């Protein structure tokens, strides 16, 4: 496992089935969107799986419980995260919470 990738298992909630495994370079939180095999999924829940090795618990992988979703039209994916609004807008705040700001850099 590369140090900056996180192995994750995607589990569809209804009907409950495993969609497969993927290595992620970001940590998805509930409410984030994830593209896998050409489909978009909304992350509902995240559970950590640990492995006991040499007397220490280490993060082995995470289980992401997802549901099928349409690609959000009001969100854009920029620099590894979802931001509200059109990322090409000059006044976009590049935030997950705030849509517009006069000075997005602070």
PDB file of N, CA and C in Angstrom:
ATOM      1  N   UNK A   1       0.847  -1.176   0.000  1.00  0.00           N
ATOM      2  CA  UNK A   1       0.000   0.000   0.000  1.00  0.00           C
ATOM      3  C   UNK A   1       0.889   1.234   0.000  1.00  0.00           C
ATOM      4  N   UNK A   2       0.664   2.147  -0.929  1.00  0.00           N
ATOM      5  CA  UNK A   2       1.395   3.402  -0.946  1.00  0.00           C
ATOM      6  C   UNK A   2       0.973   4.230   0.262  1.00  0.00           C
ATOM      7  N   UNK A   3       1.877   5.061   0.792  1.00  0.00           N
ATOM      8  CA  UNK A   3       1.556   5.793   2.015  1.00  0.00           C
ATOM      9  C   UNK A   3       0.413   6.788   1.886  1.00  0.00           C
ATOM     10  N   UNK A   4       0.173   7.335   0.694  1.00  0.00           N
ATOM     11  CA  UNK A   4      -0.879   8.334   0.572  1.00  0.00           C
ATOM     12  C   UNK A   4      -2.126   7.816  -0.129  1.00  0.00           C
ATOM     13  N   UNK A   5      -2.302   6.503  -0.188  1.00  0.00           N
ATOM     14  CA  UNK A   5      -3.550   5.950  -0.710  1.00  0.00           C
ATOM     15  C   UNK A   5      -4.220   5.136   0.387  1.00  0.00           C
ATOM     16  N   UNK A   6      -5.527   5.109   0.333  1.00  0.00           N
ATOM     17  CA  UNK A   6      -6.315   4.431   1.345  1.00  0.00           C
ATOM     18  C   UNK A   6      -7.199   3.392   0.669  1.00  0.00           C
ATOM     19  N   UNK A   7      -6.993   2.093   0.963  1.00  0.00           N
ATOM     20  CA  UNK A   7      -7.866   1.088   0.365  1.00  0.00           C
ATOM     21  C   UNK A   7      -9.269   1.176   0.964  1.00  0.00           C
ATOM     22  N   UNK A   8     -10.263   1.119   0.098  1.00  0.00           N
ATOM     23  CA  UNK A   8     -11.647   1.235   0.551  1.00  0.00           C
ATOM     24  C   UNK A   8     -12.516   0.225  -0.185  1.00  0.00           C
ATOM     25  N   UNK A   9     -13.495  -0.305   0.524  1.00  0.00           N
ATOM     26  CA  UNK A   9     -14.496  -1.178  -0.081  1.00  0.00           C
ATOM     27  C   UNK A   9     -15.786  -0.383  -0.192  1.00  0.00           C
ATOM     28  N   UNK A  10     -16.365  -0.371  -1.383  1.00  0.00           N
ATOM     29  CA  UNK A  10     -17.630   0.328  -1.598  1.00  0.00           C
ATOM     30  C   UNK A  10     -18.767  -0.666  -1.436  1.00  0.00           C
ATOM     31  N   UNK A  11     -19.711  -0.334  -0.569  1.00  0.00           N
ATOM     32  CA  UNK A  11     -20.844  -1.211  -0.288  1.00  0.00           C
ATOM     33  C   UNK A  11     -22.120  -0.439  -0.571  1.00  0.00           C
ATOM     34  N   UNK A  12     -22.911  -0.945  -1.505  1.00  0.00           N
ATOM     35  CA  UNK A  12     -24.198  -0.338  -1.833  1.00  0.00           C
ATOM     36  C   UNK A  12     -25.179  -0.671  -0.718  1.00  0.00           C
ATOM     37  N   UNK A  13     -25.940   0.315  -0.248  1.00  0.00           N
ATOM     38  CA  UNK A  13     -26.820   0.090   0.901  1.00  0.00           C
ATOM     39  C   UNK A  13     -28.108  -0.639   0.544  1.00  0.00           C
ATOM     40  N   UNK A  14     -28.684  -0.327  -0.617  1.00  0.00           N
ATOM     41  CA  UNK A  14     -29.936  -0.998  -0.990  1.00  0.00           C
ATOM     42  C   UNK A  14     -29.929  -1.311  -2.470  1.00  0.00           C
ATOM     43  N   UNK A  15     -29.948  -2.543  -2.891  1.00  0.00           N
ATOM     44  CA  UNK A  15     -29.781  -3.760  -2.094  1.00  0.00           C
ATOM     45  C   UNK A  15     -28.342  -3.882  -1.619  1.00  0.00           C
ATOM     46  N   UNK A  16     -28.149  -4.435  -0.425  1.00  0.00           N
ATOM     47  CA  UNK A  16     -26.812  -4.508   0.158  1.00  0.00           C
ATOM     48  C   UNK A  16     -25.942  -5.453  -0.658  1.00  0.00           C
ATOM     49  N   UNK A  17     -24.918  -4.859  -1.287  1.00  0.00           N
ATOM     50  CA  UNK A  17     -23.957  -5.651  -2.062  1.00  0.00           C
ATOM     51  C   UNK A  17     -22.652  -4.878  -2.174  1.00  0.00           C
ATOM     52  N   UNK A  18     -21.573  -5.615  -2.296  1.00  0.00           N
ATOM     53  CA  UNK A  18     -20.265  -4.989  -2.446  1.00  0.00           C
ATOM     54  C   UNK A  18     -20.071  -4.602  -3.906  1.00  0.00           C
ATOM     55  N   UNK A  19     -19.666  -3.363  -4.136  1.00  0.00           N
ATOM     56  CA  UNK A  19     -19.419  -2.888  -5.494  1.00  0.00           C
ATOM     57  C   UNK A  19     -17.980  -3.148  -5.918  1.00  0.00           C
ATOM     58  N   UNK A  20     -17.092  -3.299  -4.954  1.00  0.00           N
ATOM     59  CA  UNK A  20     -15.690  -3.549  -5.262  1.00  0.00           C
ATOM     60  C   UNK A  20     -14.774  -2.743  -4.363  1.00  0.00           C
ATOM     61  N   UNK A  21     -13.483  -2.881  -4.632  1.00  0.00           N
ATOM     62  CA  UNK A  21     -12.462  -2.185  -3.858  1.00  0.00           C
ATOM     63  C   UNK A  21     -11.805  -1.116  -4.712  1.00  0.00           C
ATOM     64  N   UNK A  22     -11.388  -0.051  -4.056  1.00  0.00           N
ATOM     65  CA  UNK A  22     -10.752   1.064  -4.748  1.00  0.00           C
ATOM     66  C   UNK A  22      -9.719   1.673  -3.802  1.00  0.00           C
ATOM     67  N   UNK A  23      -8.649   2.239  -4.364  1.00  0.00           N
ATOM     68  CA  UNK A  23      -7.659   2.959  -3.555  1.00  0.00           C
ATOM     69  C   UNK A  23      -7.901   4.445  -3.740  1.00  0.00           C
ATOM     70  N   UNK A  24      -8.074   5.142  -2.634  1.00  0.00           N
ATOM     71  CA  UNK A  24      -8.396   6.567  -2.668  1.00  0.00           C
ATOM     72  C   UNK A  24      -7.216   7.396  -2.185  1.00  0.00           C
ATOM     73  N   UNK A  25      -7.040   8.564  -2.769  1.00  0.00           N
ATOM     74  CA  UNK A  25      -6.002   9.492  -2.319  1.00  0.00           C
ATOM     75  C   UNK A  25      -6.603  10.630  -1.493  1.00  0.00           C
ATOM     76  N   UNK A  26      -7.837  10.468  -1.058  1.00  0.00           N
ATOM     77  CA  UNK A  26      -8.521  11.430  -0.204  1.00  0.00           C
ATOM     78  C   UNK A  26      -9.428  10.662   0.741  1.00  0.00           C
ATOM     79  N   UNK A  27      -9.846  11.302   1.818  1.00  0.00           N
ATOM     80  CA  UNK A  27     -10.684  10.648   2.819  1.00  0.00           C
ATOM     81  C   UNK A  27     -12.121  11.120   2.658  1.00  0.00           C
ATOM     82  N   UNK A  28     -12.974  10.287   2.073  1.00  0.00           N
ATOM     83  CA  UNK A  28     -14.363  10.705   1.871  1.00  0.00           C
ATOM     84  C   UNK A  28     -15.140  10.752   3.183  1.00  0.00           C
ATOM     85  N   UNK A  29     -15.934  11.791   3.324  1.00  0.00           N
ATOM     86  CA  UNK A  29     -16.799  11.969   4.483  1.00  0.00           C
ATOM     87  C   UNK A  29     -18.243  11.729   4.046  1.00  0.00           C
ATOM     88  N   UNK A  30     -19.118  11.369   4.975  1.00  0.00           N
ATOM     89  CA  UNK A  30     -20.534  11.274   4.614  1.00  0.00           C
ATOM     90  C   UNK A  30     -21.020  12.593   4.022  1.00  0.00           C
ATOM     91  N   UNK A  31     -21.731  12.487   2.911  1.00  0.00           N
ATOM     92  CA  UNK A  31     -22.199  13.669   2.195  1.00  0.00           C
ATOM     93  C   UNK A  31     -21.376  13.968   0.957  1.00  0.00           C
ATOM     94  N   UNK A  32     -20.173  13.369   0.858  1.00  0.00           N
ATOM     95  CA  UNK A  32     -19.349  13.544  -0.335  1.00  0.00           C
ATOM     96  C   UNK A  32     -19.847  12.635  -1.445  1.00  0.00           C
ATOM     97  N   UNK A  33     -19.440  12.939  -2.667  1.00  0.00           N
ATOM     98  CA  UNK A  33     -19.784  12.124  -3.828  1.00  0.00           C
ATOM     99  C   UNK A  33     -18.543  11.421  -4.327  1.00  0.00           C
ATOM    100  N   UNK A  34     -18.763  10.231  -4.907  1.00  0.00           N
ATOM    101  CA  UNK A  34     -17.669   9.393  -5.361  1.00  0.00           C
ATOM    102  C   UNK A  34     -18.043   8.797  -6.704  1.00  0.00           C
ATOM    103  N   UNK A  35     -17.146   8.873  -7.675  1.00  0.00           N
ATOM    104  CA  UNK A  35     -17.368   8.251  -8.979  1.00  0.00           C
ATOM    105  C   UNK A  35     -16.661   6.909  -9.006  1.00  0.00           C
ATOM    106  N   UNK A  36     -17.392   5.859  -9.423  1.00  0.00           N
ATOM    107  CA  UNK A  36     -16.831   4.514  -9.488  1.00  0.00           C
ATOM    108  C   UNK A  36     -17.469   3.784 -10.658  1.00  0.00           C
ATOM    109  N   UNK A  37     -16.650   3.277 -11.564  1.00  0.00           N
ATOM    110  CA  UNK A  37     -17.113   2.546 -12.753  1.00  0.00           C
ATOM    111  C   UNK A  37     -18.157   3.329 -13.544  1.00  0.00           C
ATOM    112  N   UNK A  38     -17.947   4.624 -13.699  1.00  0.00           N
ATOM    113  CA  UNK A  38     -18.831   5.449 -14.511  1.00  0.00           C
ATOM    114  C   UNK A  38     -20.124   5.872 -13.842  1.00  0.00           C
ATOM    115  N   UNK A  39     -20.319   5.544 -12.576  1.00  0.00           N
ATOM    116  CA  UNK A  39     -21.527   5.936 -11.850  1.00  0.00           C
ATOM    117  C   UNK A  39     -21.140   6.796 -10.657  1.00  0.00           C
ATOM    118  N   UNK A  40     -22.062   7.647 -10.239  1.00  0.00           N
ATOM    119  CA  UNK A  40     -21.831   8.528  -9.093  1.00  0.00           C
ATOM    120  C   UNK A  40     -22.587   7.990  -7.886  1.00  0.00           C
ATOM    121  N   UNK A  41     -21.908   7.983  -6.744  1.00  0.00           N
ATOM    122  CA  UNK A  41     -22.498   7.498  -5.501  1.00  0.00           C
ATOM    123  C   UNK A  41     -22.329   8.549  -4.414  1.00  0.00           C
ATOM    124  N   UNK A  42     -23.323   8.634  -3.530  1.00  0.00           N
ATOM    125  CA  UNK A  42     -23.246   9.508  -2.361  1.00  0.00           C
ATOM    126  C   UNK A  42     -22.783   8.669  -1.175  1.00  0.00           C
ATOM    127  N   UNK A  43     -21.807   9.155  -0.433  1.00  0.00           N
ATOM    128  CA  UNK A  43     -21.292   8.444   0.739  1.00  0.00           C
ATOM    129  C   UNK A  43     -22.243   8.698   1.903  1.00  0.00           C
ATOM    130  N   UNK A  44     -22.789   7.619   2.470  1.00  0.00           N
ATOM    131  CA  UNK A  44     -23.717   7.724   3.594  1.00  0.00           C
ATOM    132  C   UNK A  44     -23.028   7.484   4.930  1.00  0.00           C
ATOM    133  N   UNK A  45     -22.085   6.538   4.941  1.00  0.00           N
ATOM    134  CA  UNK A  45     -21.448   6.149   6.195  1.00  0.00           C
ATOM    135  C   UNK A  45     -20.046   5.647   5.899  1.00  0.00           C
ATOM    136  N   UNK A  46     -19.150   5.835   6.859  1.00  0.00           N
ATOM    137  CA  UNK A  46     -17.775   5.359   6.719  1.00  0.00           C
ATOM    138  C   UNK A  46     -17.411   4.570   7.969  1.00  0.00           C
ATOM    139  N   UNK A  47     -16.883   3.365   7.771  1.00  0.00           N
ATOM    140  CA  UNK A  47     -16.443   2.538   8.897  1.00  0.00           C
ATOM    141  C   UNK A  47     -14.997   2.122   8.669  1.00  0.00           C
ATOM    142  N   UNK A  48     -14.213   2.150   9.731  1.00  0.00           N
ATOM    143  CA  UNK A  48     -12.805   1.784   9.635  1.00  0.00           C
ATOM    144  C   UNK A  48     -12.630   0.311   9.964  1.00  0.00           C
ATOM    145  N   UNK A  49     -11.731  -0.351   9.241  1.00  0.00           N
ATOM    146  CA  UNK A  49     -11.377  -1.749   9.491  1.00  0.00           C
ATOM    147  C   UNK A  49      -9.911  -1.774   9.922  1.00  0.00           C
ATOM    148  N   UNK A  50      -9.651  -2.325  11.103  1.00  0.00           N
ATOM    149  CA  UNK A  50      -8.294  -2.366  11.645  1.00  0.00           C
ATOM    150  C   UNK A  50      -7.759  -3.786  11.618  1.00  0.00           C
ATOM    151  N   UNK A  51      -6.427  -3.903  11.590  1.00  0.00           N
ATOM    152  CA  UNK A  51      -5.746  -5.187  11.564  1.00  0.00           C
ATOM    153  C   UNK A  51      -4.718  -5.188  12.688  1.00  0.00           C
ATOM    154  N   UNK A  52      -4.720  -6.242  13.511  1.00  0.00           N
ATOM    155  CA  UNK A  52      -3.747  -6.366  14.591  1.00  0.00           C
ATOM    156  C   UNK A  52      -2.475  -6.964  14.014  1.00  0.00           C
ATOM    157  N   UNK A  53      -1.395  -6.199  14.068  1.00  0.00           N
ATOM    158  CA  UNK A  53      -0.128  -6.646  13.497  1.00  0.00           C
ATOM    159  C   UNK A  53       0.995  -6.214  14.435  1.00  0.00           C
ATOM    160  N   UNK A  54       1.790  -7.164  14.872  1.00  0.00           N
ATOM    161  CA  UNK A  54       2.915  -6.906  15.792  1.00  0.00           C
ATOM    162  C   UNK A  54       2.449  -6.212  17.067  1.00  0.00           C
ATOM    163  N   UNK A  55       1.304  -6.622  17.565  1.00  0.00           N
ATOM    164  CA  UNK A  55       0.787  -6.073  18.810  1.00  0.00           C
ATOM    165  C   UNK A  55       0.189  -4.682  18.706  1.00  0.00           C
ATOM    166  N   UNK A  56       0.016  -4.184  17.480  1.00  0.00           N
ATOM    167  CA  UNK A  56      -0.561  -2.846  17.280  1.00  0.00           C
ATOM    168  C   UNK A  56      -1.684  -2.921  16.265  1.00  0.00           C
ATOM    169  N   UNK A  57      -2.688  -2.118  16.491  1.00  0.00           N
ATOM    170  CA  UNK A  57      -3.767  -2.021  15.520  1.00  0.00           C
ATOM    171  C   UNK A  57      -3.392  -0.993  14.466  1.00  0.00           C
ATOM    172  N   UNK A  58      -3.569  -1.368  13.221  1.00  0.00           N
ATOM    173  CA  UNK A  58      -3.295  -0.466  12.104  1.00  0.00           C
ATOM    174  C   UNK A  58      -4.532  -0.411  11.216  1.00  0.00           C
ATOM    175  N   UNK A  59      -4.761   0.770  10.649  1.00  0.00           N
ATOM    176  CA  UNK A  59      -5.885   0.922   9.734  1.00  0.00           C
ATOM    177  C   UNK A  59      -5.630   0.065   8.504  1.00  0.00           C
ATOM    178  N   UNK A  60      -6.500  -0.896   8.269  1.00  0.00           N
ATOM    179  CA  UNK A  60      -6.342  -1.822   7.150  1.00  0.00           C
ATOM    180  C   UNK A  60      -7.054  -1.288   5.909  1.00  0.00           C
ATOM    181  N   UNK A  61      -8.307  -0.898   6.079  1.00  0.00           N
ATOM    182  CA  UNK A  61      -9.081  -0.290   4.996  1.00  0.00           C
ATOM    183  C   UNK A  61     -10.338   0.321   5.590  1.00  0.00           C
ATOM    184  N   UNK A  62     -11.060   1.041   4.764  1.00  0.00           N
ATOM    185  CA  UNK A  62     -12.323   1.598   5.223  1.00  0.00           C
ATOM    186  C   UNK A  62     -13.449   1.011   4.386  1.00  0.00           C
ATOM    187  N   UNK A  63     -14.609   0.935   4.985  1.00  0.00           N
ATOM    188  CA  UNK A  63     -15.809   0.499   4.278  1.00  0.00           C
ATOM    189  C   UNK A  63     -16.684   1.730   4.085  1.00  0.00           C
ATOM    190  N   UNK A  64     -17.027   2.006   2.840  1.00  0.00           N
ATOM    191  CA  UNK A  64     -17.881   3.147   2.519  1.00  0.00           C
ATOM    192  C   UNK A  64     -19.250   2.632   2.118  1.00  0.00           C
ATOM    193  N   UNK A  65     -20.256   3.006   2.867  1.00  0.00           N
ATOM    194  CA  UNK A  65     -21.628   2.649   2.537  1.00  0.00           C
ATOM    195  C   UNK A  65     -22.194   3.771   1.679  1.00  0.00           C
ATOM    196  N   UNK A  66     -22.591   3.423   0.465  1.00  0.00           N
ATOM    197  CA  UNK A  66     -22.983   4.423  -0.529  1.00  0.00           C
ATOM    198  C   UNK A  66     -24.360   4.107  -1.094  1.00  0.00           C
ATOM    199  N   UNK A  67     -24.945   5.099  -1.739  1.00  0.00           N
ATOM    200  CA  UNK A  67     -26.163   4.886  -2.509  1.00  0.00           C
ATOM    201  C   UNK A  67     -25.998   5.589  -3.842  1.00  0.00           C
ATOM    202  N   UNK A  68     -26.675   5.085  -4.843  1.00  0.00           N
ATOM    203  CA  UNK A  68     -26.612   5.657  -6.177  1.00  0.00           C
ATOM    204  C   UNK A  68     -27.173   7.074  -6.152  1.00  0.00           C
ATOM    205  N   UNK A  69     -26.521   7.982  -6.865  1.00  0.00           N
ATOM    206  CA  UNK A  69     -26.952   9.381  -6.869  1.00  0.00           C
ATOM    207  C   UNK A  69     -26.640  10.007  -8.215  1.00  0.00           C
ATOM    208  N   UNK A  70     -27.375  11.073  -8.532  1.00  0.00           N
ATOM    209  CA  UNK A  70     -27.058  11.843  -9.736  1.00  0.00           C
ATOM    210  C   UNK A  70     -25.907  12.779  -9.412  1.00  0.00           C
ATOM    211  N   UNK A  71     -25.117  13.061 -10.431  1.00  0.00           N
ATOM    212  CA  UNK A  71     -24.009  14.001 -10.239  1.00  0.00           C
ATOM    213  C   UNK A  71     -24.593  15.356  -9.848  1.00  0.00           C
ATOM    214  N   UNK A  72     -24.095  15.947  -8.771  1.00  0.00           N
ATOM    215  CA  UNK A  72     -24.652  17.222  -8.325  1.00  0.00           C
ATOM    216  C   UNK A  72     -24.366  18.334  -9.331  1.00  0.00           C
ATOM    217  N   UNK A  73     -25.388  19.121  -9.633  1.00  0.00           N
ATOM    218  CA  UNK A  73     -25.215  20.207 -10.597  1.00  0.00           C
ATOM    219  C   UNK A  73     -24.719  21.476  -9.915  1.00  0.00           C
ATOM    220  N   UNK A  74     -24.945  21.610  -8.622  1.00  0.00           N
ATOM    221  CA  UNK A  74     -24.546  22.822  -7.919  1.00  0.00           C
ATOM    222  C   UNK A  74     -23.179  22.694  -7.257  1.00  0.00           C
ATOM    223  N   UNK A  75     -22.492  21.565  -7.462  1.00  0.00           N
ATOM    224  CA  UNK A  75     -21.177  21.362  -6.862  1.00  0.00           C
ATOM    225  C   UNK A  75     -20.159  21.065  -7.948  1.00  0.00           C
ATOM    226  N   UNK A  76     -18.925  21.455  -7.700  1.00  0.00           N
ATOM    227  CA  UNK A  76     -17.821  21.206  -8.626  1.00  0.00           C
ATOM    228  C   UNK A  76     -16.691  20.537  -7.858  1.00  0.00           C
ATOM    229  N   UNK A  77     -15.948  19.671  -8.541  1.00  0.00           N
ATOM    230  CA  UNK A  77     -14.816  18.982  -7.932  1.00  0.00           C
ATOM    231  C   UNK A  77     -13.549  19.728  -8.316  1.00  0.00           C
ATOM    232  N   UNK A  78     -12.871  20.302  -7.328  1.00  0.00           N
ATOM    233  CA  UNK A  78     -11.662  21.082  -7.602  1.00  0.00           C
ATOM    234  C   UNK A  78     -10.619  20.805  -6.524  1.00  0.00           C
ATOM    235  N   UNK A  79      -9.406  20.573  -6.939  1.00  0.00           N
ATOM    236  CA  UNK A  79      -8.275  20.316  -6.034  1.00  0.00           C
ATOM    237  C   UNK A  79      -8.584  19.210  -5.033  1.00  0.00           C
ATOM    238  N   UNK A  80      -9.217  18.140  -5.487  1.00  0.00           N
ATOM    239  CA  UNK A  80      -9.463  16.981  -4.650  1.00  0.00           C
ATOM    240  C   UNK A  80     -10.631  17.059  -3.696  1.00  0.00           C
ATOM    241  N   UNK A  81     -11.510  18.057  -3.850  1.00  0.00           N
ATOM    242  CA  UNK A  81     -12.682  18.137  -2.970  1.00  0.00           C
ATOM    243  C   UNK A  81     -13.838  18.807  -3.700  1.00  0.00           C
ATOM    244  N   UNK A  82     -15.039  18.585  -3.181  1.00  0.00           N
ATOM    245  CA  UNK A  82     -16.242  19.177  -3.755  1.00  0.00           C
ATOM    246  C   UNK A  82     -16.425  20.576  -3.199  1.00  0.00           C
ATOM    247  N   UNK A  83     -16.728  21.530  -4.068  1.00  0.00           N
ATOM    248  CA  UNK A  83     -17.020  22.898  -3.641  1.00  0.00           C
ATOM    249  C   UNK A  83     -18.410  23.276  -4.134  1.00  0.00           C
ATOM    250  N   UNK A  84     -19.071  24.175  -3.410  1.00  0.00           N
ATOM    251  CA  UNK A  84     -20.412  24.618  -3.769  1.00  0.00           C
ATOM    252  C   UNK A  84     -20.321  25.612  -4.916  1.00  0.00           C
ATOM    253  N   UNK A  85     -21.193  25.456  -5.905  1.00  0.00           N
ATOM    254  CA  UNK A  85     -21.273  26.401  -7.019  1.00  0.00           C
ATOM    255  C   UNK A  85     -20.321  26.076  -8.153  1.00  0.00           C
ATOM    256  N   UNK A  86     -20.295  26.955  -9.114  1.00  0.00           N
ATOM    257  CA  UNK A  86     -19.452  26.807 -10.295  1.00  0.00           C
ATOM    258  C   UNK A  86     -18.021  27.213  -9.947  1.00  0.00           C
ATOM    259  N   UNK A  87     -17.088  26.280 -10.062  1.00  0.00           N
ATOM    260  CA  UNK A  87     -15.694  26.556  -9.700  1.00  0.00           C
ATOM    261  C   UNK A  87     -15.042  27.552 -10.645  1.00  0.00           C
ATOM    262  N   UNK A  88     -15.599  27.734 -11.842  1.00  0.00           N
ATOM    263  CA  UNK A  88     -15.033  28.681 -12.803  1.00  0.00           C
ATOM    264  C   UNK A  88     -15.452  30.122 -12.532  1.00  0.00           C
ATOM    265  N   UNK A  89     -16.425  30.318 -11.652  1.00  0.00           N
ATOM    266  CA  UNK A  89     -16.887  31.668 -11.319  1.00  0.00           C
ATOM    267  C   UNK A  89     -15.773  32.442 -10.610  1.00  0.00           C
ATOM    268  N   UNK A  90     -15.608  33.673 -10.987  1.00  0.00           N
ATOM    269  CA  UNK A  90     -14.552  34.513 -10.429  1.00  0.00           C
ATOM    270  C   UNK A  90     -14.696  34.716  -8.922  1.00  0.00           C
ATOM    271  N   UNK A  91     -15.917  34.730  -8.421  1.00  0.00           N
ATOM    272  CA  UNK A  91     -16.156  34.996  -7.007  1.00  0.00           C
ATOM    273  C   UNK A  91     -16.461  33.734  -6.193  1.00  0.00           C
ATOM    274  N   UNK A  92     -16.232  32.549  -6.767  1.00  0.00           N
ATOM    275  CA  UNK A  92     -16.475  31.319  -6.024  1.00  0.00           C
ATOM    276  C   UNK A  92     -15.510  31.242  -4.846  1.00  0.00           C
ATOM    277  N   UNK A  93     -16.021  30.872  -3.677  1.00  0.00           N
ATOM    278  CA  UNK A  93     -15.213  30.833  -2.455  1.00  0.00           C
ATOM    279  C   UNK A  93     -14.351  29.575  -2.354  1.00  0.00           C
ATOM    280  N   UNK A  94     -14.555  28.609  -3.256  1.00  0.00           N
ATOM    281  CA  UNK A  94     -13.824  27.330  -3.235  1.00  0.00           C
ATOM    282  C   UNK A  94     -13.981  26.666  -1.872  1.00  0.00           C
ATOM    283  N   UNK A  95     -15.208  26.650  -1.382  1.00  0.00           N
ATOM    284  CA  UNK A  95     -15.539  26.107  -0.072  1.00  0.00           C
ATOM    285  C   UNK A  95     -16.669  25.098  -0.212  1.00  0.00           C
ATOM    286  N   UNK A  96     -16.749  24.190   0.762  1.00  0.00           N
ATOM    287  CA  UNK A  96     -17.844  23.225   0.790  1.00  0.00           C
ATOM    288  C   UNK A  96     -19.091  23.826   1.425  1.00  0.00           C
ATOM    289  N   UNK A  97     -18.957  25.011   2.028  1.00  0.00           N
ATOM    290  CA  UNK A  97     -20.073  25.627   2.738  1.00  0.00           C
ATOM    291  C   UNK A  97     -20.537  26.947   2.143  1.00  0.00           C
ATOM    292  N   UNK A  98     -19.612  27.752   1.617  1.00  0.00           N
ATOM    293  CA  UNK A  98     -19.939  29.088   1.115  1.00  0.00           C
ATOM    294  C   UNK A  98     -19.830  29.100  -0.401  1.00  0.00           C
ATOM    295  N   UNK A  99     -20.857  29.633  -1.069  1.00  0.00           N
ATOM    296  CA  UNK A  99     -20.887  29.648  -2.525  1.00  0.00           C
ATOM    297  C   UNK A  99     -20.014  30.752  -3.117  1.00  0.00           C
ATOM    298  N   UNK A 100     -20.211  31.991  -2.715  1.00  0.00           N
ATOM    299  CA  UNK A 100     -19.508  33.125  -3.323  1.00  0.00           C
ATOM    300  C   UNK A 100     -18.818  33.980  -2.268  1.00  0.00           C
ATOM    301  N   UNK A 101     -17.721  34.582  -2.681  1.00  0.00           N
ATOM    302  CA  UNK A 101     -16.994  35.519  -1.827  1.00  0.00           C
ATOM    303  C   UNK A 101     -16.277  36.508  -2.732  1.00  0.00           C
ATOM    304  N   UNK A 102     -16.196  37.738  -2.299  1.00  0.00           N
ATOM    305  CA  UNK A 102     -15.530  38.750  -3.113  1.00  0.00           C
ATOM    306  C   UNK A 102     -14.031  38.475  -3.171  1.00  0.00           C
ATOM    307  N   UNK A 103     -13.431  37.995  -2.064  1.00  0.00           N
ATOM    308  CA  UNK A 103     -12.010  37.678  -2.023  1.00  0.00           C
ATOM    309  C   UNK A 103     -11.845  36.229  -1.559  1.00  0.00           C
ATOM    310  N   UNK A 104     -11.915  35.231  -2.466  1.00  0.00           N
ATOM    311  CA  UNK A 104     -11.884  33.829  -2.059  1.00  0.00           C
ATOM    312  C   UNK A 104     -10.583  33.394  -1.389  1.00  0.00           C
ATOM    313  N   UNK A 105      -9.488  34.085  -1.647  1.00  0.00           N
ATOM    314  CA  UNK A 105      -8.209  33.700  -1.054  1.00  0.00           C
ATOM    315  C   UNK A 105      -8.070  34.176   0.390  1.00  0.00           C
ATOM    316  N   UNK A 106      -8.993  34.983   0.864  1.00  0.00           N
ATOM    317  CA  UNK A 106      -8.991  35.367   2.265  1.00  0.00           C
ATOM    318  C   UNK A 106      -8.701  36.794   2.492  1.00  0.00           C
TER     319      UNK A 106
END
